[in-house]
Amino acid sequence: MEVESVNTAVSVQQNQAVNEKSVNNKQEKKANDGQKNKENVKQQISEGEVIKSIESANEKIQIYNTRLQFSIHEKTKEIMVKVLDSRTEEVIREIPPEKILDMVAKIWELAGIIVDEKV
């Protein structure tokens, strides 16, 4: 009797382990598929399409006396958008703010220094 209950308990644990591995594999596959889809989207958009989209957006917001200026933050390689007043060239808003990207770059730099020192 005791041997049967032990075998049953071991069998249940093995089934649970197999199910957990299956779930983990499915989650990893979904994550990998999502990453591949992001990479495909990045590759499919050409520079010309991006420029057309920017020009179209600028034309649509001209009625508000504003324009968009796109740039890439040097250290983080993130795209920044500045909303400018067309008349005064004053920056109305930055998305994301340049100061935040500078802070992120500094954190990355400090994290790299810490990792290098530990190794």
N, C-alpha and C. Protein backbone atom coordinates (compact mmCIF):
# COMPACT_ATOMS: atom_id res chain seq x y z
N MET A 1 0.80 -1.19 0.00
CA MET A 1 0.00 0.00 0.00
C MET A 1 0.85 1.26 0.00
N GLU A 2 1.85 1.29 0.86
CA GLU A 2 2.69 2.47 0.95
C GLU A 2 3.49 2.68 -0.32
N VAL A 3 3.92 1.63 -0.95
CA VAL A 3 4.69 1.73 -2.18
C VAL A 3 3.84 2.35 -3.28
N GLU A 4 2.57 1.95 -3.36
CA GLU A 4 1.67 2.51 -4.37
C GLU A 4 1.47 4.01 -4.15
N SER A 5 1.30 4.45 -2.92
CA SER A 5 1.08 5.88 -2.65
C SER A 5 2.34 6.68 -2.94
N VAL A 6 3.52 6.11 -2.66
CA VAL A 6 4.78 6.78 -2.97
C VAL A 6 4.93 6.91 -4.48
N ASN A 7 4.64 5.82 -5.21
CA ASN A 7 4.73 5.86 -6.67
C ASN A 7 3.76 6.89 -7.25
N THR A 8 2.58 6.96 -6.68
CA THR A 8 1.59 7.94 -7.15
C THR A 8 2.08 9.35 -6.89
N ALA A 9 2.65 9.59 -5.72
CA ALA A 9 3.16 10.92 -5.38
C ALA A 9 4.30 11.30 -6.32
N VAL A 10 5.20 10.38 -6.60
CA VAL A 10 6.32 10.64 -7.51
C VAL A 10 5.78 10.93 -8.91
N SER A 11 4.79 10.16 -9.32
CA SER A 11 4.20 10.35 -10.65
C SER A 11 3.55 11.72 -10.77
N VAL A 12 2.85 12.16 -9.73
CA VAL A 12 2.21 13.48 -9.73
C VAL A 12 3.28 14.56 -9.82
N GLN A 13 4.37 14.42 -9.07
CA GLN A 13 5.45 15.41 -9.12
C GLN A 13 6.09 15.45 -10.50
N GLN A 14 6.27 14.32 -11.11
CA GLN A 14 6.86 14.29 -12.45
C GLN A 14 5.94 14.98 -13.45
N ASN A 15 4.65 14.74 -13.36
CA ASN A 15 3.68 15.39 -14.25
C ASN A 15 3.70 16.90 -14.06
N GLN A 16 3.79 17.35 -12.81
CA GLN A 16 3.85 18.78 -12.54
C GLN A 16 5.11 19.39 -13.14
N ALA A 17 6.24 18.69 -13.02
CA ALA A 17 7.49 19.19 -13.56
C ALA A 17 7.42 19.28 -15.09
N VAL A 18 6.82 18.27 -15.72
CA VAL A 18 6.67 18.29 -17.18
C VAL A 18 5.76 19.44 -17.60
N ASN A 19 4.66 19.65 -16.86
CA ASN A 19 3.75 20.75 -17.19
C ASN A 19 4.42 22.10 -17.03
N GLU A 20 5.22 22.27 -15.97
CA GLU A 20 5.94 23.53 -15.76
C GLU A 20 6.93 23.79 -16.88
N LYS A 21 7.65 22.74 -17.31
CA LYS A 21 8.59 22.89 -18.42
C LYS A 21 7.86 23.28 -19.68
N SER A 22 6.71 22.69 -19.92
CA SER A 22 5.91 22.99 -21.11
C SER A 22 5.46 24.45 -21.10
N VAL A 23 4.99 24.92 -19.95
CA VAL A 23 4.55 26.31 -19.83
C VAL A 23 5.73 27.25 -20.04
N ASN A 24 6.88 26.93 -19.43
CA ASN A 24 8.07 27.77 -19.59
C ASN A 24 8.52 27.83 -21.05
N ASN A 25 8.49 26.67 -21.73
CA ASN A 25 8.87 26.64 -23.14
C ASN A 25 7.93 27.48 -23.98
N LYS A 26 6.63 27.41 -23.70
CA LYS A 26 5.65 28.21 -24.44
C LYS A 26 5.90 29.70 -24.21
N GLN A 27 6.18 30.09 -22.97
CA GLN A 27 6.45 31.49 -22.66
C GLN A 27 7.70 31.98 -23.36
N GLU A 28 8.75 31.16 -23.37
CA GLU A 28 9.99 31.53 -24.05
C GLU A 28 9.76 31.68 -25.54
N LYS A 29 8.96 30.78 -26.12
CA LYS A 29 8.68 30.84 -27.55
C LYS A 29 7.92 32.13 -27.88
N LYS A 30 6.92 32.48 -27.05
CA LYS A 30 6.17 33.71 -27.28
C LYS A 30 7.09 34.92 -27.20
N ALA A 31 7.99 34.93 -26.22
CA ALA A 31 8.92 36.05 -26.07
C ALA A 31 9.83 36.15 -27.29
N ASN A 32 10.34 35.01 -27.75
CA ASN A 32 11.20 35.01 -28.92
C ASN A 32 10.45 35.45 -30.17
N ASP A 33 9.20 34.98 -30.34
CA ASP A 33 8.39 35.39 -31.49
C ASP A 33 8.13 36.88 -31.46
N GLY A 34 7.85 37.40 -30.27
CA GLY A 34 7.61 38.84 -30.15
C GLY A 34 8.84 39.64 -30.53
N GLN A 35 10.01 39.18 -30.10
CA GLN A 35 11.27 39.85 -30.44
C GLN A 35 11.51 39.81 -31.94
N LYS A 36 11.25 38.65 -32.57
CA LYS A 36 11.44 38.53 -34.02
C LYS A 36 10.49 39.46 -34.76
N ASN A 37 9.24 39.58 -34.29
CA ASN A 37 8.28 40.47 -34.94
C ASN A 37 8.74 41.92 -34.84
N LYS A 38 9.28 42.31 -33.69
CA LYS A 38 9.79 43.68 -33.53
C LYS A 38 10.93 43.93 -34.50
N GLU A 39 11.83 42.96 -34.63
CA GLU A 39 12.96 43.12 -35.54
C GLU A 39 12.48 43.22 -36.98
N ASN A 40 11.48 42.42 -37.36
CA ASN A 40 10.93 42.48 -38.72
C ASN A 40 10.31 43.83 -39.00
N VAL A 41 9.58 44.39 -38.02
CA VAL A 41 8.96 45.69 -38.21
C VAL A 41 10.03 46.75 -38.40
N LYS A 42 11.10 46.68 -37.63
CA LYS A 42 12.18 47.65 -37.75
C LYS A 42 12.82 47.57 -39.13
N GLN A 43 12.98 46.39 -39.66
CA GLN A 43 13.62 46.21 -40.95
C GLN A 43 12.72 46.64 -42.09
N GLN A 44 11.41 46.53 -41.95
CA GLN A 44 10.49 46.81 -43.03
C GLN A 44 10.28 48.29 -43.26
N ILE A 45 10.49 49.14 -42.29
CA ILE A 45 10.26 50.57 -42.42
C ILE A 45 11.51 51.22 -42.99
N SER A 46 11.35 51.87 -44.14
CA SER A 46 12.50 52.51 -44.77
C SER A 46 12.63 53.95 -44.30
N GLU A 47 13.78 54.51 -44.55
CA GLU A 47 14.04 55.89 -44.16
C GLU A 47 13.10 56.84 -44.89
N GLY A 48 12.83 56.55 -46.16
CA GLY A 48 11.92 57.39 -46.94
C GLY A 48 10.52 57.42 -46.36
N GLU A 49 10.04 56.27 -45.89
CA GLU A 49 8.71 56.22 -45.29
C GLU A 49 8.67 57.03 -44.01
N VAL A 50 9.73 56.98 -43.23
CA VAL A 50 9.79 57.75 -41.99
C VAL A 50 9.75 59.25 -42.31
N ILE A 51 10.51 59.68 -43.30
CA ILE A 51 10.55 61.10 -43.67
C ILE A 51 9.17 61.54 -44.16
N LYS A 52 8.51 60.73 -44.98
CA LYS A 52 7.16 61.07 -45.44
C LYS A 52 6.20 61.22 -44.28
N SER A 53 6.29 60.33 -43.31
CA SER A 53 5.40 60.38 -42.15
C SER A 53 5.65 61.64 -41.33
N ILE A 54 6.91 62.01 -41.18
CA ILE A 54 7.24 63.22 -40.43
C ILE A 54 6.71 64.46 -41.15
N GLU A 55 6.91 64.52 -42.47
CA GLU A 55 6.42 65.65 -43.23
C GLU A 55 4.90 65.75 -43.16
N SER A 56 4.23 64.61 -43.24
CA SER A 56 2.77 64.58 -43.14
C SER A 56 2.30 65.09 -41.78
N ALA A 57 2.96 64.65 -40.73
CA ALA A 57 2.60 65.10 -39.38
C ALA A 57 2.82 66.60 -39.24
N ASN A 58 3.93 67.10 -39.78
CA ASN A 58 4.21 68.54 -39.71
C ASN A 58 3.15 69.35 -40.46
N GLU A 59 2.71 68.86 -41.61
CA GLU A 59 1.67 69.56 -42.37
C GLU A 59 0.37 69.62 -41.59
N LYS A 60 0.03 68.55 -40.90
CA LYS A 60 -1.23 68.49 -40.17
C LYS A 60 -1.24 69.37 -38.93
N ILE A 61 -0.09 69.59 -38.31
CA ILE A 61 -0.08 70.41 -37.09
C ILE A 61 0.27 71.86 -37.36
N GLN A 62 0.46 72.24 -38.62
CA GLN A 62 0.77 73.63 -38.94
C GLN A 62 -0.35 74.57 -38.53
N ILE A 63 -1.57 74.10 -38.52
CA ILE A 63 -2.69 74.96 -38.13
C ILE A 63 -2.57 75.41 -36.68
N TYR A 64 -1.78 74.72 -35.90
CA TYR A 64 -1.58 75.09 -34.51
C TYR A 64 -0.29 75.88 -34.32
N ASN A 65 0.33 76.32 -35.42
CA ASN A 65 1.58 77.07 -35.39
C ASN A 65 2.68 76.30 -34.66
N THR A 66 2.73 75.01 -34.89
CA THR A 66 3.77 74.18 -34.30
C THR A 66 4.37 73.30 -35.38
N ARG A 67 5.53 72.75 -35.07
CA ARG A 67 6.17 71.78 -35.96
C ARG A 67 6.94 70.79 -35.11
N LEU A 68 7.24 69.66 -35.71
CA LEU A 68 7.97 68.61 -35.01
C LEU A 68 9.40 68.55 -35.49
N GLN A 69 10.30 68.30 -34.57
CA GLN A 69 11.70 68.11 -34.92
C GLN A 69 12.15 66.78 -34.30
N PHE A 70 12.57 65.86 -35.14
CA PHE A 70 13.01 64.55 -34.69
C PHE A 70 14.53 64.51 -34.64
N SER A 71 15.04 63.80 -33.63
CA SER A 71 16.49 63.60 -33.53
C SER A 71 16.73 62.30 -32.76
N ILE A 72 17.98 61.88 -32.77
CA ILE A 72 18.36 60.66 -32.05
C ILE A 72 19.36 61.04 -30.97
N HIS A 73 19.06 60.63 -29.76
CA HIS A 73 19.96 60.89 -28.63
C HIS A 73 21.23 60.08 -28.84
N GLU A 74 22.37 60.72 -28.76
CA GLU A 74 23.63 60.08 -29.12
C GLU A 74 23.96 58.86 -28.26
N LYS A 75 23.84 58.99 -26.96
CA LYS A 75 24.30 57.93 -26.07
C LYS A 75 23.31 56.77 -25.96
N THR A 76 22.01 57.06 -25.93
CA THR A 76 21.02 56.00 -25.75
C THR A 76 20.44 55.50 -27.08
N LYS A 77 20.68 56.23 -28.14
CA LYS A 77 20.16 55.88 -29.48
C LYS A 77 18.63 55.86 -29.51
N GLU A 78 18.00 56.64 -28.66
CA GLU A 78 16.54 56.75 -28.62
C GLU A 78 16.10 57.94 -29.47
N ILE A 79 14.93 57.81 -30.07
CA ILE A 79 14.38 58.89 -30.89
C ILE A 79 13.74 59.91 -29.96
N MET A 80 14.07 61.18 -30.19
CA MET A 80 13.49 62.28 -29.43
C MET A 80 12.66 63.14 -30.38
N VAL A 81 11.55 63.66 -29.88
CA VAL A 81 10.70 64.54 -30.66
C VAL A 81 10.58 65.85 -29.90
N LYS A 82 10.85 66.95 -30.59
CA LYS A 82 10.64 68.26 -30.00
C LYS A 82 9.47 68.91 -30.71
N VAL A 83 8.54 69.44 -29.94
CA VAL A 83 7.43 70.21 -30.48
C VAL A 83 7.83 71.67 -30.36
N LEU A 84 7.95 72.34 -31.53
CA LEU A 84 8.44 73.71 -31.57
C LEU A 84 7.33 74.67 -32.01
N ASP A 85 7.36 75.88 -31.48
CA ASP A 85 6.48 76.94 -31.95
C ASP A 85 7.06 77.45 -33.26
N SER A 86 6.28 77.43 -34.32
CA SER A 86 6.77 77.81 -35.66
C SER A 86 7.20 79.27 -35.73
N ARG A 87 6.55 80.12 -34.99
CA ARG A 87 6.87 81.55 -35.05
C ARG A 87 8.13 81.91 -34.28
N THR A 88 8.27 81.39 -33.06
CA THR A 88 9.38 81.80 -32.20
C THR A 88 10.50 80.76 -32.12
N GLU A 89 10.28 79.57 -32.68
CA GLU A 89 11.24 78.45 -32.59
C GLU A 89 11.49 78.02 -31.15
N GLU A 90 10.58 78.36 -30.25
CA GLU A 90 10.69 77.97 -28.85
C GLU A 90 10.25 76.52 -28.69
N VAL A 91 10.96 75.77 -27.86
CA VAL A 91 10.61 74.37 -27.60
C VAL A 91 9.42 74.34 -26.65
N ILE A 92 8.33 73.75 -27.13
CA ILE A 92 7.13 73.64 -26.31
C ILE A 92 7.21 72.38 -25.43
N ARG A 93 7.64 71.28 -26.05
CA ARG A 93 7.72 70.01 -25.32
C ARG A 93 8.76 69.11 -25.98
N GLU A 94 9.42 68.29 -25.16
CA GLU A 94 10.34 67.26 -25.64
C GLU A 94 9.79 65.90 -25.21
N ILE A 95 9.78 64.97 -26.16
CA ILE A 95 9.27 63.63 -25.85
C ILE A 95 10.31 62.62 -26.31
N PRO A 96 10.91 61.83 -25.46
CA PRO A 96 11.05 62.02 -24.02
C PRO A 96 12.01 63.18 -23.74
N PRO A 97 11.93 63.75 -22.57
CA PRO A 97 12.81 64.88 -22.25
C PRO A 97 14.29 64.49 -22.36
N GLU A 98 15.08 65.38 -22.94
CA GLU A 98 16.50 65.10 -23.14
C GLU A 98 17.22 64.86 -21.81
N LYS A 99 16.80 65.56 -20.77
CA LYS A 99 17.43 65.37 -19.46
C LYS A 99 17.23 63.95 -18.94
N ILE A 100 16.07 63.38 -19.21
CA ILE A 100 15.80 62.00 -18.79
C ILE A 100 16.73 61.04 -19.54
N LEU A 101 16.88 61.25 -20.85
CA LEU A 101 17.76 60.38 -21.63
C LEU A 101 19.21 60.53 -21.20
N ASP A 102 19.61 61.75 -20.84
CA ASP A 102 20.96 61.96 -20.32
C ASP A 102 21.16 61.20 -19.01
N MET A 103 20.12 61.21 -18.17
CA MET A 103 20.18 60.50 -16.89
C MET A 103 20.27 58.99 -17.12
N VAL A 104 19.50 58.48 -18.07
CA VAL A 104 19.54 57.05 -18.39
C VAL A 104 20.93 56.67 -18.89
N ALA A 105 21.51 57.50 -19.75
CA ALA A 105 22.85 57.22 -20.26
C ALA A 105 23.87 57.20 -19.12
N LYS A 106 23.73 58.11 -18.18
CA LYS A 106 24.66 58.15 -17.04
C LYS A 106 24.50 56.90 -16.16
N ILE A 107 23.25 56.47 -15.96
CA ILE A 107 23.01 55.26 -15.17
C ILE A 107 23.63 54.05 -15.86
N TRP A 108 23.45 53.96 -17.19
CA TRP A 108 24.06 52.86 -17.94
C TRP A 108 25.57 52.88 -17.77
N GLU A 109 26.14 54.09 -17.83
CA GLU A 109 27.59 54.22 -17.68
C GLU A 109 28.04 53.77 -16.30
N LEU A 110 27.33 54.21 -15.27
CA LEU A 110 27.69 53.82 -13.90
C LEU A 110 27.49 52.33 -13.68
N ALA A 111 26.44 51.77 -14.24
CA ALA A 111 26.21 50.33 -14.11
C ALA A 111 27.35 49.56 -14.78
N GLY A 112 27.83 50.06 -15.89
CA GLY A 112 28.96 49.42 -16.57
C GLY A 112 30.22 49.48 -15.75
N ILE A 113 30.43 50.60 -15.07
CA ILE A 113 31.61 50.74 -14.22
C ILE A 113 31.53 49.77 -13.06
N ILE A 114 30.37 49.63 -12.44
CA ILE A 114 30.20 48.71 -11.32
C ILE A 114 30.45 47.27 -11.77
N VAL A 115 29.88 46.89 -12.90
CA VAL A 115 30.06 45.54 -13.40
C VAL A 115 31.53 45.28 -13.73
N ASP A 116 32.18 46.25 -14.36
CA ASP A 116 33.60 46.08 -14.70
C ASP A 116 34.45 45.93 -13.44
N GLU A 117 34.12 46.68 -12.38
CA GLU A 117 34.90 46.60 -11.15
C GLU A 117 34.71 45.25 -10.45
N LYS A 118 33.52 44.67 -10.52
CA LYS A 118 33.26 43.39 -9.86
C LYS A 118 33.97 42.25 -10.56
N VAL A 119 34.16 42.35 -11.83
CA VAL A 119 34.80 41.27 -12.60
C VAL A 119 36.25 41.35 -12.43
